[in-house]
Amino acid sequence: MDVGEWIHENIKKQRMKLNCHLTTSLMDMYSKCGYLEKALEYYACMVDILGRAGLLEEAVEFIENAYNT
């Protein structure tokens, strides 16, 4: 978890834009480590990214798949 938080802080420091890959990686890392509040933050971010890109069907599929896993 320490390494994951270090990576996350470096992403912020470098002002990297969160894309689908970074967001899902952070969400996966936090959920597997038991930090559900942070995982939900990135889950919402992923849905927002897809919605803003006009990929509403993908956003719905992402939500549905999250509940089926």
PDB file of N, CA and C in Angstrom:
ATOM      1  N   MET A   1       0.825  -1.182   0.000  1.00  0.00           N
ATOM      2  CA  MET A   1       0.000   0.000   0.000  1.00  0.00           C
ATOM      3  C   MET A   1       0.874   1.253   0.000  1.00  0.00           C
ATOM      4  N   ASP A   2       1.991   1.185   0.705  1.00  0.00           N
ATOM      5  CA  ASP A   2       2.888   2.347   0.751  1.00  0.00           C
ATOM      6  C   ASP A   2       3.397   2.709  -0.646  1.00  0.00           C
ATOM      7  N   VAL A   3       3.776   1.703  -1.404  1.00  0.00           N
ATOM      8  CA  VAL A   3       4.262   1.956  -2.768  1.00  0.00           C
ATOM      9  C   VAL A   3       3.144   2.527  -3.628  1.00  0.00           C
ATOM     10  N   GLY A   4       1.937   2.002  -3.479  1.00  0.00           N
ATOM     11  CA  GLY A   4       0.793   2.507  -4.229  1.00  0.00           C
ATOM     12  C   GLY A   4       0.489   3.957  -3.909  1.00  0.00           C
ATOM     13  N   GLU A   5       0.542   4.317  -2.630  1.00  0.00           N
ATOM     14  CA  GLU A   5       0.307   5.707  -2.250  1.00  0.00           C
ATOM     15  C   GLU A   5       1.420   6.606  -2.775  1.00  0.00           C
ATOM     16  N   TRP A   6       2.656   6.106  -2.788  1.00  0.00           N
ATOM     17  CA  TRP A   6       3.766   6.876  -3.341  1.00  0.00           C
ATOM     18  C   TRP A   6       3.544   7.143  -4.829  1.00  0.00           C
ATOM     19  N   ILE A   7       3.100   6.113  -5.554  1.00  0.00           N
ATOM     20  CA  ILE A   7       2.805   6.271  -6.979  1.00  0.00           C
ATOM     21  C   ILE A   7       1.695   7.299  -7.172  1.00  0.00           C
ATOM     22  N   HIS A   8       0.647   7.194  -6.375  1.00  0.00           N
ATOM     23  CA  HIS A   8      -0.480   8.118  -6.477  1.00  0.00           C
ATOM     24  C   HIS A   8      -0.023   9.561  -6.222  1.00  0.00           C
ATOM     25  N   GLU A   9       0.795   9.769  -5.207  1.00  0.00           N
ATOM     26  CA  GLU A   9       1.296  11.110  -4.917  1.00  0.00           C
ATOM     27  C   GLU A   9       2.150  11.653  -6.063  1.00  0.00           C
ATOM     28  N   ASN A  10       2.948  10.791  -6.681  1.00  0.00           N
ATOM     29  CA  ASN A  10       3.756  11.227  -7.816  1.00  0.00           C
ATOM     30  C   ASN A  10       2.897  11.579  -9.023  1.00  0.00           C
ATOM     31  N   ILE A  11       1.813  10.861  -9.206  1.00  0.00           N
ATOM     32  CA  ILE A  11       0.878  11.202 -10.284  1.00  0.00           C
ATOM     33  C   ILE A  11       0.352  12.616 -10.057  1.00  0.00           C
ATOM     34  N   LYS A  12      -0.001  12.923  -8.809  1.00  0.00           N
ATOM     35  CA  LYS A  12      -0.495  14.265  -8.478  1.00  0.00           C
ATOM     36  C   LYS A  12       0.586  15.323  -8.671  1.00  0.00           C
ATOM     37  N   LYS A  13       1.801  15.038  -8.170  1.00  0.00           N
ATOM     38  CA  LYS A  13       2.894  16.008  -8.265  1.00  0.00           C
ATOM     39  C   LYS A  13       3.252  16.318  -9.713  1.00  0.00           C
ATOM     40  N   GLN A  14       3.211  15.317 -10.559  1.00  0.00           N
ATOM     41  CA  GLN A  14       3.547  15.498 -11.971  1.00  0.00           C
ATOM     42  C   GLN A  14       2.386  16.108 -12.748  1.00  0.00           C
ATOM     43  N   ARG A  15       1.257  16.294 -12.050  1.00  0.00           N
ATOM     44  CA  ARG A  15       0.038  16.841 -12.647  1.00  0.00           C
ATOM     45  C   ARG A  15      -0.399  16.050 -13.884  1.00  0.00           C
ATOM     46  N   MET A  16      -0.258  14.748 -13.752  1.00  0.00           N
ATOM     47  CA  MET A  16      -0.692  13.871 -14.835  1.00  0.00           C
ATOM     48  C   MET A  16      -2.214  13.841 -14.868  1.00  0.00           C
ATOM     49  N   LYS A  17      -2.772  13.860 -16.045  1.00  0.00           N
ATOM     50  CA  LYS A  17      -4.216  13.751 -16.176  1.00  0.00           C
ATOM     51  C   LYS A  17      -4.605  12.294 -15.972  1.00  0.00           C
ATOM     52  N   LEU A  18      -5.639  12.096 -15.177  1.00  0.00           N
ATOM     53  CA  LEU A  18      -6.120  10.742 -14.963  1.00  0.00           C
ATOM     54  C   LEU A  18      -6.857  10.282 -16.209  1.00  0.00           C
ATOM     55  N   ASN A  19      -6.454   9.149 -16.711  1.00  0.00           N
ATOM     56  CA  ASN A  19      -7.146   8.552 -17.844  1.00  0.00           C
ATOM     57  C   ASN A  19      -7.763   7.242 -17.370  1.00  0.00           C
ATOM     58  N   CYS A  20      -8.375   6.534 -18.264  1.00  0.00           N
ATOM     59  CA  CYS A  20      -9.054   5.282 -17.894  1.00  0.00           C
ATOM     60  C   CYS A  20      -8.104   4.287 -17.240  1.00  0.00           C
ATOM     61  N   HIS A  21      -6.892   4.205 -17.752  1.00  0.00           N
ATOM     62  CA  HIS A  21      -5.939   3.220 -17.240  1.00  0.00           C
ATOM     63  C   HIS A  21      -5.469   3.564 -15.827  1.00  0.00           C
ATOM     64  N   LEU A  22      -5.099   4.818 -15.617  1.00  0.00           N
ATOM     65  CA  LEU A  22      -4.661   5.224 -14.282  1.00  0.00           C
ATOM     66  C   LEU A  22      -5.798   5.127 -13.272  1.00  0.00           C
ATOM     67  N   THR A  23      -6.973   5.559 -13.667  1.00  0.00           N
ATOM     68  CA  THR A  23      -8.112   5.548 -12.755  1.00  0.00           C
ATOM     69  C   THR A  23      -8.473   4.134 -12.325  1.00  0.00           C
ATOM     70  N   THR A  24      -8.571   3.219 -13.282  1.00  0.00           N
ATOM     71  CA  THR A  24      -8.935   1.849 -12.910  1.00  0.00           C
ATOM     72  C   THR A  24      -7.828   1.179 -12.107  1.00  0.00           C
ATOM     73  N   SER A  25      -6.577   1.519 -12.393  1.00  0.00           N
ATOM     74  CA  SER A  25      -5.470   0.955 -11.615  1.00  0.00           C
ATOM     75  C   SER A  25      -5.516   1.430 -10.168  1.00  0.00           C
ATOM     76  N   LEU A  26      -5.746   2.727  -9.975  1.00  0.00           N
ATOM     77  CA  LEU A  26      -5.849   3.261  -8.615  1.00  0.00           C
ATOM     78  C   LEU A  26      -7.053   2.666  -7.883  1.00  0.00           C
ATOM     79  N   MET A  27      -8.171   2.575  -8.577  1.00  0.00           N
ATOM     80  CA  MET A  27      -9.382   2.008  -7.988  1.00  0.00           C
ATOM     81  C   MET A  27      -9.138   0.559  -7.568  1.00  0.00           C
ATOM     82  N   ASP A  28      -8.500  -0.211  -8.423  1.00  0.00           N
ATOM     83  CA  ASP A  28      -8.208  -1.611  -8.134  1.00  0.00           C
ATOM     84  C   ASP A  28      -7.267  -1.732  -6.938  1.00  0.00           C
ATOM     85  N   MET A  29      -6.222  -0.918  -6.940  1.00  0.00           N
ATOM     86  CA  MET A  29      -5.251  -0.970  -5.849  1.00  0.00           C
ATOM     87  C   MET A  29      -5.911  -0.650  -4.513  1.00  0.00           C
ATOM     88  N   TYR A  30      -6.667   0.440  -4.458  1.00  0.00           N
ATOM     89  CA  TYR A  30      -7.289   0.835  -3.193  1.00  0.00           C
ATOM     90  C   TYR A  30      -8.330  -0.186  -2.727  1.00  0.00           C
ATOM     91  N   SER A  31      -9.113  -0.737  -3.650  1.00  0.00           N
ATOM     92  CA  SER A  31     -10.128  -1.704  -3.223  1.00  0.00           C
ATOM     93  C   SER A  31      -9.487  -2.985  -2.718  1.00  0.00           C
ATOM     94  N   LYS A  32      -8.423  -3.443  -3.354  1.00  0.00           N
ATOM     95  CA  LYS A  32      -7.746  -4.671  -2.914  1.00  0.00           C
ATOM     96  C   LYS A  32      -7.052  -4.500  -1.574  1.00  0.00           C
ATOM     97  N   CYS A  33      -6.677  -3.259  -1.265  1.00  0.00           N
ATOM     98  CA  CYS A  33      -6.000  -2.986   0.004  1.00  0.00           C
ATOM     99  C   CYS A  33      -6.977  -2.625   1.117  1.00  0.00           C
ATOM    100  N   GLY A  34      -8.270  -2.612   0.797  1.00  0.00           N
ATOM    101  CA  GLY A  34      -9.269  -2.338   1.822  1.00  0.00           C
ATOM    102  C   GLY A  34      -9.604  -0.874   2.014  1.00  0.00           C
ATOM    103  N   TYR A  35      -9.117  -0.008   1.150  1.00  0.00           N
ATOM    104  CA  TYR A  35      -9.426   1.417   1.241  1.00  0.00           C
ATOM    105  C   TYR A  35     -10.614   1.721   0.336  1.00  0.00           C
ATOM    106  N   LEU A  36     -11.794   1.305   0.773  1.00  0.00           N
ATOM    107  CA  LEU A  36     -12.975   1.386  -0.079  1.00  0.00           C
ATOM    108  C   LEU A  36     -13.400   2.814  -0.388  1.00  0.00           C
ATOM    109  N   GLU A  37     -13.215   3.743   0.548  1.00  0.00           N
ATOM    110  CA  GLU A  37     -13.598   5.129   0.275  1.00  0.00           C
ATOM    111  C   GLU A  37     -12.787   5.701  -0.888  1.00  0.00           C
ATOM    112  N   LYS A  38     -11.490   5.443  -0.898  1.00  0.00           N
ATOM    113  CA  LYS A  38     -10.663   5.926  -1.999  1.00  0.00           C
ATOM    114  C   LYS A  38     -11.012   5.190  -3.287  1.00  0.00           C
ATOM    115  N   ALA A  39     -11.309   3.909  -3.201  1.00  0.00           N
ATOM    116  CA  ALA A  39     -11.681   3.149  -4.399  1.00  0.00           C
ATOM    117  C   ALA A  39     -12.952   3.723  -5.011  1.00  0.00           C
ATOM    118  N   LEU A  40     -13.921   4.070  -4.175  1.00  0.00           N
ATOM    119  CA  LEU A  40     -15.173   4.641  -4.677  1.00  0.00           C
ATOM    120  C   LEU A  40     -14.950   6.000  -5.329  1.00  0.00           C
ATOM    121  N   GLU A  41     -13.991   6.749  -4.809  1.00  0.00           N
ATOM    122  CA  GLU A  41     -13.656   8.045  -5.404  1.00  0.00           C
ATOM    123  C   GLU A  41     -13.199   7.854  -6.852  1.00  0.00           C
ATOM    124  N   TYR A  42     -12.369   6.848  -7.094  1.00  0.00           N
ATOM    125  CA  TYR A  42     -11.873   6.617  -8.447  1.00  0.00           C
ATOM    126  C   TYR A  42     -12.890   5.892  -9.309  1.00  0.00           C
ATOM    127  N   TYR A  43     -13.766   5.128  -8.670  1.00  0.00           N
ATOM    128  CA  TYR A  43     -14.864   4.503  -9.402  1.00  0.00           C
ATOM    129  C   TYR A  43     -15.744   5.591 -10.007  1.00  0.00           C
ATOM    130  N   ALA A  44     -16.096   6.582  -9.195  1.00  0.00           N
ATOM    131  CA  ALA A  44     -16.921   7.691  -9.677  1.00  0.00           C
ATOM    132  C   ALA A  44     -16.190   8.475 -10.752  1.00  0.00           C
ATOM    133  N   CYS A  45     -14.890   8.637 -10.603  1.00  0.00           N
ATOM    134  CA  CYS A  45     -14.086   9.348 -11.593  1.00  0.00           C
ATOM    135  C   CYS A  45     -14.115   8.609 -12.931  1.00  0.00           C
ATOM    136  N   MET A  46     -14.041   7.296 -12.888  1.00  0.00           N
ATOM    137  CA  MET A  46     -14.059   6.499 -14.115  1.00  0.00           C
ATOM    138  C   MET A  46     -15.397   6.658 -14.832  1.00  0.00           C
ATOM    139  N   VAL A  47     -16.483   6.611 -14.108  1.00  0.00           N
ATOM    140  CA  VAL A  47     -17.813   6.805 -14.694  1.00  0.00           C
ATOM    141  C   VAL A  47     -17.915   8.208 -15.286  1.00  0.00           C
ATOM    142  N   ASP A  48     -17.366   9.187 -14.579  1.00  0.00           N
ATOM    143  CA  ASP A  48     -17.373  10.565 -15.063  1.00  0.00           C
ATOM    144  C   ASP A  48     -16.569  10.690 -16.365  1.00  0.00           C
ATOM    145  N   ILE A  49     -15.407  10.086 -16.415  1.00  0.00           N
ATOM    146  CA  ILE A  49     -14.568  10.137 -17.625  1.00  0.00           C
ATOM    147  C   ILE A  49     -15.321   9.561 -18.821  1.00  0.00           C
ATOM    148  N   LEU A  50     -15.931   8.415 -18.623  1.00  0.00           N
ATOM    149  CA  LEU A  50     -16.669   7.784 -19.723  1.00  0.00           C
ATOM    150  C   LEU A  50     -17.858   8.638 -20.141  1.00  0.00           C
ATOM    151  N   GLY A  51     -18.572   9.188 -19.172  1.00  0.00           N
ATOM    152  CA  GLY A  51     -19.726  10.019 -19.492  1.00  0.00           C
ATOM    153  C   GLY A  51     -19.345  11.278 -20.246  1.00  0.00           C
ATOM    154  N   ARG A  52     -18.296  11.943 -19.811  1.00  0.00           N
ATOM    155  CA  ARG A  52     -17.853  13.168 -20.480  1.00  0.00           C
ATOM    156  C   ARG A  52     -17.345  12.902 -21.893  1.00  0.00           C
ATOM    157  N   ALA A  53     -16.850  11.700 -22.109  1.00  0.00           N
ATOM    158  CA  ALA A  53     -16.367  11.331 -23.441  1.00  0.00           C
ATOM    159  C   ALA A  53     -17.522  10.917 -24.355  1.00  0.00           C
ATOM    160  N   GLY A  54     -18.742  10.939 -23.808  1.00  0.00           N
ATOM    161  CA  GLY A  54     -19.900  10.548 -24.601  1.00  0.00           C
ATOM    162  C   GLY A  54     -20.073   9.047 -24.709  1.00  0.00           C
ATOM    163  N   LEU A  55     -19.373   8.319 -23.872  1.00  0.00           N
ATOM    164  CA  LEU A  55     -19.422   6.856 -23.901  1.00  0.00           C
ATOM    165  C   LEU A  55     -20.385   6.344 -22.834  1.00  0.00           C
ATOM    166  N   LEU A  56     -21.644   6.736 -22.986  1.00  0.00           N
ATOM    167  CA  LEU A  56     -22.638   6.419 -21.960  1.00  0.00           C
ATOM    168  C   LEU A  56     -22.909   4.928 -21.852  1.00  0.00           C
ATOM    169  N   GLU A  57     -22.939   4.236 -22.976  1.00  0.00           N
ATOM    170  CA  GLU A  57     -23.155   2.786 -22.912  1.00  0.00           C
ATOM    171  C   GLU A  57     -22.015   2.109 -22.155  1.00  0.00           C
ATOM    172  N   GLU A  58     -20.786   2.566 -22.390  1.00  0.00           N
ATOM    173  CA  GLU A  58     -19.642   2.011 -21.681  1.00  0.00           C
ATOM    174  C   GLU A  58     -19.708   2.327 -20.193  1.00  0.00           C
ATOM    175  N   ALA A  59     -20.188   3.532 -19.857  1.00  0.00           N
ATOM    176  CA  ALA A  59     -20.332   3.907 -18.447  1.00  0.00           C
ATOM    177  C   ALA A  59     -21.347   2.996 -17.754  1.00  0.00           C
ATOM    178  N   VAL A  60     -22.463   2.751 -18.412  1.00  0.00           N
ATOM    179  CA  VAL A  60     -23.484   1.857 -17.849  1.00  0.00           C
ATOM    180  C   VAL A  60     -22.922   0.452 -17.704  1.00  0.00           C
ATOM    181  N   GLU A  61     -22.208  -0.015 -18.718  1.00  0.00           N
ATOM    182  CA  GLU A  61     -21.599  -1.356 -18.664  1.00  0.00           C
ATOM    183  C   GLU A  61     -20.583  -1.435 -17.539  1.00  0.00           C
ATOM    184  N   PHE A  62     -19.799  -0.370 -17.357  1.00  0.00           N
ATOM    185  CA  PHE A  62     -18.809  -0.335 -16.266  1.00  0.00           C
ATOM    186  C   PHE A  62     -19.503  -0.468 -14.914  1.00  0.00           C
ATOM    187  N   ILE A  63     -20.603   0.262 -14.732  1.00  0.00           N
ATOM    188  CA  ILE A  63     -21.361   0.198 -13.474  1.00  0.00           C
ATOM    189  C   ILE A  63     -21.950  -1.195 -13.271  1.00  0.00           C
ATOM    190  N   GLU A  64     -22.555  -1.732 -14.311  1.00  0.00           N
ATOM    191  CA  GLU A  64     -23.165  -3.063 -14.210  1.00  0.00           C
ATOM    192  C   GLU A  64     -22.120  -4.133 -13.906  1.00  0.00           C
ATOM    193  N   ASN A  65     -20.966  -4.043 -14.551  1.00  0.00           N
ATOM    194  CA  ASN A  65     -19.895  -5.024 -14.310  1.00  0.00           C
ATOM    195  C   ASN A  65     -19.348  -4.918 -12.902  1.00  0.00           C
ATOM    196  N   ALA A  66     -19.329  -3.718 -12.334  1.00  0.00           N
ATOM    197  CA  ALA A  66     -18.823  -3.539 -10.970  1.00  0.00           C
ATOM    198  C   ALA A  66     -19.727  -4.247  -9.961  1.00  0.00           C
ATOM    199  N   TYR A  67     -21.027  -4.254 -10.231  1.00  0.00           N
ATOM    200  CA  TYR A  67     -21.950  -4.919  -9.323  1.00  0.00           C
ATOM    201  C   TYR A  67     -21.989  -6.420  -9.527  1.00  0.00           C
ATOM    202  N   ASN A  68     -21.521  -6.885 -10.665  1.00  0.00           N
ATOM    203  CA  ASN A  68     -21.547  -8.331 -10.953  1.00  0.00           C
ATOM    204  C   ASN A  68     -20.280  -9.044 -10.553  1.00  0.00           C
ATOM    205  N   THR A  69     -19.266  -8.292 -10.079  1.00  0.00           N
ATOM    206  CA  THR A  69     -18.006  -8.942  -9.704  1.00  0.00           C
ATOM    207  C   THR A  69     -17.922  -9.167  -8.225  1.00  0.00           C
TER     208      THR A  69
END
